[in-house]
Amino acid sequence: MNPFLLIIITVSIGACSQLLLKAAVMRMGGVNFSAGLIPLFWQAATNPYLIAGLLGYFVGMLMWLVVLSKMEVSVAYPMVS
């Protein structure tokens, strides 16, 4: 697969993951440590938006490793920003 296409897909996955994480925090009503860590952790762990966002970041990271195996960092990284 074309490394430039992989970069576009990787960046798109990263952007979608950030939107999913934002939706997760909004659904949780923000992050409030006053209720305790265990309820906060449970609320986060059962949030499907958070799980999907983290999974997206993981897939994006794997794709980025493929990109780095095909291109130099000095060429690939500036395309991310």
Protein backbone atom coordinates (compact mmCIF):
# COMPACT_ATOMS: atom_id res chain seq x y z
CA MET A 1 0.00 0.00 0.00
CA ASN A 2 1.14 3.52 -0.73
CA PRO A 3 2.80 5.03 2.40
CA PHE A 4 1.23 8.43 1.71
CA LEU A 5 -2.23 6.85 1.75
CA LEU A 6 -1.32 5.13 5.04
CA ILE A 7 -0.38 8.51 6.51
CA ILE A 8 -3.73 9.98 5.51
CA ILE A 9 -5.58 7.03 7.02
CA THR A 10 -3.49 7.17 10.21
CA VAL A 11 -4.13 10.89 10.68
CA SER A 12 -7.85 10.39 10.03
CA ILE A 13 -8.04 7.60 12.59
CA GLY A 14 -6.24 9.81 15.12
CA ALA A 15 -8.66 12.69 14.53
CA CYS A 16 -11.70 10.41 14.85
CA SER A 17 -10.25 8.93 18.05
CA GLN A 18 -9.89 12.39 19.55
CA LEU A 19 -13.53 13.15 18.73
CA LEU A 20 -14.59 9.88 20.35
CA LEU A 21 -12.60 10.69 23.50
CA LYS A 22 -14.20 14.14 23.64
CA ALA A 23 -17.65 12.53 23.29
CA ALA A 24 -16.75 10.12 26.09
CA VAL A 25 -15.79 12.93 28.47
CA MET A 26 -18.91 14.89 27.58
CA ARG A 27 -21.06 11.81 28.17
CA MET A 28 -19.41 11.31 31.56
CA GLY A 29 -20.17 14.92 32.48
CA GLY A 30 -16.49 15.76 32.78
CA VAL A 31 -13.79 14.22 34.93
CA ASN A 32 -14.51 14.65 38.62
CA PHE A 33 -12.04 13.19 41.10
CA SER A 34 -14.11 14.16 44.15
CA ALA A 35 -16.30 11.06 43.80
CA GLY A 36 -13.23 8.82 44.05
CA LEU A 37 -11.02 6.99 41.62
CA ILE A 38 -12.87 3.68 41.55
CA PRO A 39 -16.24 5.13 40.43
CA LEU A 40 -14.45 7.34 37.92
CA PHE A 41 -12.50 4.35 36.57
CA TRP A 42 -15.66 2.25 36.32
CA GLN A 43 -17.53 5.03 34.56
CA ALA A 44 -14.68 5.40 32.07
CA ALA A 45 -14.22 1.64 31.57
CA THR A 46 -17.88 1.14 30.68
CA ASN A 47 -18.06 4.09 28.29
CA PRO A 48 -18.25 2.78 24.69
CA TYR A 49 -16.96 6.08 23.26
CA LEU A 50 -13.86 5.88 25.42
CA ILE A 51 -13.22 2.27 24.48
CA ALA A 52 -13.65 3.06 20.77
CA GLY A 53 -11.36 6.11 21.05
CA LEU A 54 -8.60 4.15 22.75
CA LEU A 55 -8.97 1.31 20.25
CA GLY A 56 -8.68 3.85 17.44
CA TYR A 57 -5.46 5.22 18.90
CA PHE A 58 -4.09 1.68 19.15
CA VAL A 59 -4.93 0.91 15.51
CA GLY A 60 -3.47 4.27 14.46
CA MET A 61 -0.26 3.49 16.33
CA LEU A 62 0.07 0.14 14.56
CA MET A 63 -0.48 1.82 11.20
CA TRP A 64 2.08 4.49 12.08
CA LEU A 65 4.64 1.74 12.71
CA VAL A 66 3.95 0.44 9.20
CA VAL A 67 4.45 3.96 7.82
CA LEU A 68 7.75 4.32 9.67
CA SER A 69 8.93 1.00 8.28
CA LYS A 70 8.40 2.33 4.73
CA MET A 71 9.48 5.99 5.09
CA GLU A 72 12.00 8.10 6.91
CA VAL A 73 10.71 9.96 9.96
CA SER A 74 11.95 13.24 8.49
CA VAL A 75 9.57 12.73 5.56
CA ALA A 76 6.58 11.14 7.34
CA TYR A 77 6.30 13.24 10.50
CA PRO A 78 5.83 16.68 8.90
CA MET A 79 2.81 15.28 7.06
CA VAL A 80 1.10 14.57 10.36
CA SER A 81 0.87 18.24 11.27
